[in-house]
Amino acid sequence: MMTKSRLALVVAGLTLLAGTAYLSPRGQAFSGHLAENLRCCQLQVARAFAIAIQETLGNAPYPSEIGQDKWVAEVMFPGVRDGVFLDVGSGHGQIGSNTKALEDRGWSGICVDPFPAAMEGRDCQMIKEVISSEAGKKVLFHTHDGLGGIADTLGKWKDEASKAPAVELTTVTLAQVLEQAKAPAFIHFLSLDIEGAELDALRGIPFDTYRFGAMAIEHNEEEPKRTDIITFLEARGYRRVHTYKQDDFFAPTPGARYGAP
């Protein structure tokens, strides 16, 4: 028997579909959200439909740029309320955040960024460091809002990021971050977006100590870095399961041995 809440959802959806047929602004918005949900995140049609309704009505539950949080919460760990995340390059704590929605669901985690913004109301451990494969290295870091990164590893947006002032910082590894934060051995989600230094960051993780349930890693279509990341993770027990826009998405390879090769 259909509950009142489910009936209301169906009615709302049919109303929005009717609007689409007549090309109303709201109908067009719903159609766009539905198509995006199906493309971005491997959602089942029913969930893509339900979330599109929320988004059309101005109650978007997932703020990430291209659906990274949506993929984690809806596909990889549906119903999980006590997950753990590691958000490297967390940037703005609200707009475009890959982990705010997870935190709102009860997850805990670690946010890493040398220049975080808008972290009010966030509960993650905030570690203000610049990440590389080697600790103690002096680097120039361009402080561009949204595109900041280490000068020597900046990728696709290097010209734009280089317009921002550069400051000298000292690198740490993710091994150090995880130890400092007393992270558990299993981390549900790794978000990695540090403008060209993603592979270096991965090289600083002791994969024989820590395991990950899902990863979203920015590549910005930069080769050979993108292929090198895939190869690196395959050797450590992870396979690419999805790709969308500037990110590749990874999950444990069934039956694989975890850790360094």
Protein backbone atom coordinates (compact mmCIF):
# COMPACT_ATOMS: atom_id res chain seq x y z
CA MET A 1 0.00 0.00 0.00
CA MET A 2 1.33 3.43 -0.95
CA THR A 3 1.98 5.72 2.00
CA LYS A 4 0.88 9.34 1.99
CA SER A 5 4.46 10.55 1.78
CA ARG A 6 5.23 8.29 -1.20
CA LEU A 7 1.97 9.34 -2.89
CA ALA A 8 2.88 12.99 -2.37
CA LEU A 9 6.30 12.34 -3.94
CA VAL A 10 4.71 10.68 -6.97
CA VAL A 11 2.22 13.51 -7.37
CA ALA A 12 4.99 16.07 -7.13
CA GLY A 13 7.00 14.19 -9.71
CA LEU A 14 4.11 13.92 -12.12
CA THR A 15 3.47 17.62 -11.71
CA LEU A 16 7.07 18.38 -12.55
CA LEU A 17 6.99 16.05 -15.55
CA ALA A 18 3.89 17.82 -16.80
CA GLY A 19 5.78 21.07 -16.44
CA THR A 20 8.58 19.61 -18.52
CA ALA A 21 6.15 18.77 -21.29
CA TYR A 22 5.05 22.39 -21.40
CA LEU A 23 8.66 23.66 -21.14
CA SER A 24 8.00 25.63 -17.99
CA PRO A 25 11.10 26.93 -16.20
CA ARG A 26 10.52 24.56 -13.30
CA GLY A 27 9.89 21.65 -15.61
CA GLN A 28 13.10 22.38 -17.50
CA ALA A 29 14.98 22.61 -14.22
CA PHE A 30 13.64 19.23 -13.11
CA SER A 31 14.56 17.64 -16.42
CA GLY A 32 18.10 19.00 -16.13
CA HIS A 33 18.53 17.78 -12.55
CA LEU A 34 17.21 14.32 -13.44
CA ALA A 35 19.55 13.97 -16.41
CA GLU A 36 22.50 15.15 -14.33
CA ASN A 37 21.72 12.69 -11.53
CA LEU A 38 21.66 9.81 -13.99
CA ARG A 39 24.93 10.88 -15.62
CA CYS A 40 26.98 11.92 -12.62
CA CYS A 41 26.49 9.30 -10.01
CA GLN A 42 25.23 5.91 -11.23
CA LEU A 43 21.96 6.44 -9.36
CA GLN A 44 18.95 4.18 -9.73
CA VAL A 45 16.17 5.95 -11.63
CA ALA A 46 13.88 6.18 -8.60
CA ARG A 47 16.54 7.89 -6.47
CA ALA A 48 17.63 10.16 -9.32
CA PHE A 49 13.97 11.15 -9.70
CA ALA A 50 13.44 11.79 -5.98
CA ILE A 51 16.61 13.84 -5.60
CA ALA A 52 15.79 15.84 -8.74
CA ILE A 53 12.49 16.82 -7.15
CA GLN A 54 14.29 18.09 -4.04
CA GLU A 55 16.79 20.00 -6.16
CA THR A 56 14.06 21.56 -8.30
CA LEU A 57 12.19 22.70 -5.21
CA GLY A 58 15.32 24.40 -3.87
CA ASN A 59 16.22 21.79 -1.27
CA ALA A 60 19.36 20.31 -2.83
CA PRO A 61 20.77 17.74 -0.35
CA TYR A 62 24.19 17.43 -1.99
CA PRO A 63 26.38 20.53 -2.49
CA SER A 64 29.38 18.97 -4.27
CA GLU A 65 30.37 20.28 -7.68
CA ILE A 66 29.79 17.14 -9.77
CA GLY A 67 28.01 14.74 -7.41
CA GLN A 68 30.91 13.14 -5.55
CA ASP A 69 28.99 13.18 -2.25
CA LYS A 70 25.86 11.91 -4.00
CA TRP A 71 27.74 8.93 -5.43
CA VAL A 72 29.20 8.05 -2.03
CA ALA A 73 25.99 8.42 -0.03
CA GLU A 74 23.56 6.94 -2.54
CA VAL A 75 25.59 4.28 -4.36
CA MET A 76 28.59 3.22 -2.32
CA PHE A 77 27.29 3.56 1.25
CA PRO A 78 23.51 4.02 1.24
CA GLY A 79 22.10 4.29 4.72
CA VAL A 80 25.50 4.59 6.42
CA ARG A 81 25.37 7.20 9.19
CA ASP A 82 28.70 6.63 10.91
CA GLY A 83 31.12 6.70 8.01
CA VAL A 84 34.56 8.30 7.99
CA PHE A 85 35.98 10.55 5.27
CA LEU A 86 39.31 12.10 4.35
CA ASP A 87 38.81 15.31 2.34
CA VAL A 88 42.14 16.48 0.91
CA GLY A 89 41.84 19.89 -0.70
CA SER A 90 38.61 20.56 1.16
CA GLY A 91 38.55 24.23 0.12
CA HIS A 92 35.23 25.90 0.89
CA GLY A 93 33.48 24.05 3.68
CA GLN A 94 29.99 24.69 2.35
CA ILE A 95 29.77 25.56 -1.36
CA GLY A 96 30.96 22.74 -3.57
CA SER A 97 32.06 20.63 -0.61
CA ASN A 98 32.44 16.91 -1.28
CA THR A 99 31.91 16.00 2.37
CA LYS A 100 29.48 18.45 4.01
CA ALA A 101 26.47 16.31 3.11
CA LEU A 102 28.18 13.26 4.58
CA GLU A 103 28.91 15.15 7.78
CA ASP A 104 25.28 16.26 7.92
CA ARG A 105 24.33 12.57 7.82
CA GLY A 106 26.43 11.81 10.86
CA TRP A 107 29.78 10.98 9.28
CA SER A 108 33.04 12.16 10.85
CA GLY A 109 36.24 12.97 9.09
CA ILE A 110 39.40 14.88 8.39
CA CYS A 111 39.56 18.00 6.20
CA VAL A 112 42.97 19.03 4.84
CA ASP A 113 43.67 22.39 3.23
CA PRO A 114 46.33 25.04 3.89
CA PHE A 115 43.78 27.83 3.34
CA PRO A 116 40.31 26.57 4.30
CA ALA A 117 37.25 28.77 3.99
CA ALA A 118 33.76 28.83 5.51
CA MET A 119 34.33 25.99 7.96
CA GLU A 120 31.82 27.38 10.44
CA GLY A 121 29.43 24.63 11.48
CA ARG A 122 31.70 21.85 10.21
CA ASP A 123 32.81 19.16 12.64
CA CYS A 124 35.68 17.57 10.71
CA GLN A 125 39.21 17.75 12.10
CA MET A 126 40.72 20.67 10.19
CA ILE A 127 44.38 20.20 9.32
CA LYS A 128 45.94 23.23 7.65
CA GLU A 129 48.80 21.65 5.72
CA VAL A 130 50.01 21.27 2.14
CA ILE A 131 50.29 17.64 1.03
CA SER A 132 52.98 15.91 -1.00
CA SER A 133 54.78 12.57 -1.23
CA GLU A 134 57.65 13.86 0.87
CA ALA A 135 57.55 15.57 4.25
CA GLY A 136 59.57 18.64 5.15
CA LYS A 137 59.99 19.99 1.62
CA LYS A 138 59.77 23.75 1.08
CA VAL A 139 57.36 24.59 -1.76
CA LEU A 140 55.77 27.66 -3.29
CA PHE A 141 52.00 27.50 -3.00
CA HIS A 142 49.73 29.77 -5.07
CA THR A 143 46.81 30.91 -2.93
CA HIS A 144 44.22 31.25 -5.70
CA ASP A 145 40.68 30.79 -4.40
CA GLY A 146 39.50 27.41 -5.65
CA LEU A 147 42.54 26.67 -7.83
CA GLY A 148 45.41 27.05 -5.40
CA GLY A 149 48.22 24.53 -5.38
CA ILE A 150 51.92 23.79 -5.33
CA ALA A 151 53.61 25.80 -8.09
CA ASP A 152 55.65 22.87 -9.41
CA THR A 153 52.68 20.51 -9.76
CA LEU A 154 49.88 22.82 -10.93
CA GLY A 155 48.15 21.29 -13.92
CA LYS A 156 45.30 22.39 -16.19
CA TRP A 157 44.65 25.69 -14.43
CA LYS A 158 48.28 26.64 -13.86
CA ASP A 159 48.10 29.92 -15.81
CA GLU A 160 45.11 31.11 -13.83
CA ALA A 161 46.35 29.88 -10.45
CA SER A 162 49.76 31.48 -11.01
CA LYS A 163 48.15 34.91 -11.04
CA ALA A 164 47.59 34.57 -7.29
CA PRO A 165 50.30 35.36 -4.72
CA ALA A 166 52.64 32.52 -3.77
CA VAL A 167 53.73 31.72 -0.24
CA GLU A 168 56.37 29.30 0.98
CA LEU A 169 55.01 26.30 2.87
CA THR A 170 56.45 23.06 4.19
CA THR A 171 54.90 19.80 3.01
CA VAL A 172 53.58 16.90 5.03
CA THR A 173 52.41 13.46 3.87
CA LEU A 174 49.00 11.92 4.28
CA ALA A 175 50.64 9.27 6.46
CA GLN A 176 51.46 12.05 8.91
CA VAL A 177 47.97 13.53 8.65
CA LEU A 178 46.28 10.18 9.31
CA GLU A 179 48.54 9.46 12.27
CA GLN A 180 48.00 12.94 13.73
CA ALA A 181 44.23 12.60 13.36
CA LYS A 182 44.24 9.09 14.83
CA ALA A 183 42.33 7.89 11.78
CA PRO A 184 40.81 4.40 11.77
CA ALA A 185 42.30 1.71 9.55
CA PHE A 186 39.21 1.77 7.31
CA ILE A 187 38.14 5.09 5.80
CA HIS A 188 34.92 5.00 3.83
CA PHE A 189 35.66 7.87 1.44
CA LEU A 190 38.75 9.67 0.18
CA SER A 191 38.19 12.91 -1.73
CA LEU A 192 41.36 14.17 -3.40
CA ASP A 193 41.42 17.49 -5.25
CA ILE A 194 44.68 19.42 -4.96
CA GLU A 195 45.23 20.82 -8.44
CA GLY A 196 47.84 18.53 -9.92
CA ALA A 197 49.45 17.00 -6.84
CA GLU A 198 47.01 14.09 -6.47
CA LEU A 199 49.49 11.36 -7.42
CA ASP A 200 52.12 12.76 -5.06
CA ALA A 201 49.54 12.74 -2.26
CA LEU A 202 48.64 9.11 -2.95
CA ARG A 203 52.31 8.15 -2.79
CA GLY A 204 52.37 9.41 0.79
CA ILE A 205 49.67 6.99 2.00
CA PRO A 206 50.72 3.72 3.65
CA PHE A 207 48.20 1.50 1.89
CA ASP A 208 49.24 -1.49 3.96
CA THR A 209 47.95 0.38 7.02
CA TYR A 210 44.86 2.15 5.72
CA ARG A 211 42.05 0.93 3.45
CA PHE A 212 39.46 3.00 1.61
CA GLY A 213 35.92 2.10 0.61
CA ALA A 214 35.59 4.68 -2.16
CA MET A 215 37.66 7.44 -3.74
CA ALA A 216 36.94 10.46 -5.93
CA ILE A 217 40.17 11.79 -7.44
CA GLU A 218 40.51 14.79 -9.70
CA HIS A 219 42.51 14.29 -12.89
CA ASN A 220 41.44 17.25 -15.06
CA GLU A 221 42.15 15.07 -18.13
CA GLU A 222 45.90 15.53 -17.58
CA GLU A 223 48.09 12.79 -19.00
CA PRO A 224 50.13 10.86 -18.11
CA LYS A 225 49.06 11.76 -14.56
CA ARG A 226 45.57 10.32 -14.95
CA THR A 227 46.79 6.97 -16.25
CA ASP A 228 49.56 6.89 -13.64
CA ILE A 229 46.97 7.32 -10.86
CA ILE A 230 44.88 4.45 -12.24
CA THR A 231 47.94 2.21 -12.51
CA PHE A 232 49.16 3.18 -9.04
CA LEU A 233 45.82 2.35 -7.43
CA GLU A 234 45.32 -0.88 -9.36
CA ALA A 235 48.61 -2.11 -7.93
CA ARG A 236 47.25 -1.42 -4.44
CA GLY A 237 43.89 -3.14 -4.79
CA TYR A 238 41.60 -0.48 -6.24
CA ARG A 239 39.87 -0.18 -9.61
CA ARG A 240 38.17 2.66 -11.41
CA VAL A 241 34.42 2.07 -11.35
CA HIS A 242 33.12 5.35 -12.73
CA THR A 243 34.31 8.55 -14.35
CA TYR A 244 32.57 11.88 -14.70
CA LYS A 245 33.95 15.20 -15.87
CA GLN A 246 37.22 15.98 -14.02
CA ASP A 247 37.10 13.07 -11.54
CA ASP A 248 37.71 9.35 -11.62
CA PHE A 249 35.95 7.21 -9.01
CA PHE A 250 37.54 4.15 -7.43
CA ALA A 251 36.46 1.22 -5.26
CA PRO A 252 38.24 -1.84 -3.88
CA THR A 253 38.90 -4.54 -6.45
CA PRO A 254 37.02 -7.70 -5.39
CA GLY A 255 39.45 -10.28 -4.14
CA ALA A 256 42.44 -7.99 -4.43
CA ARG A 257 45.32 -7.85 -2.00
CA TYR A 258 45.50 -4.46 -0.31
CA GLY A 259 48.66 -2.52 0.36
CA ALA A 260 51.85 -1.65 -1.46
CA PRO A 261 52.82 -3.95 -4.33
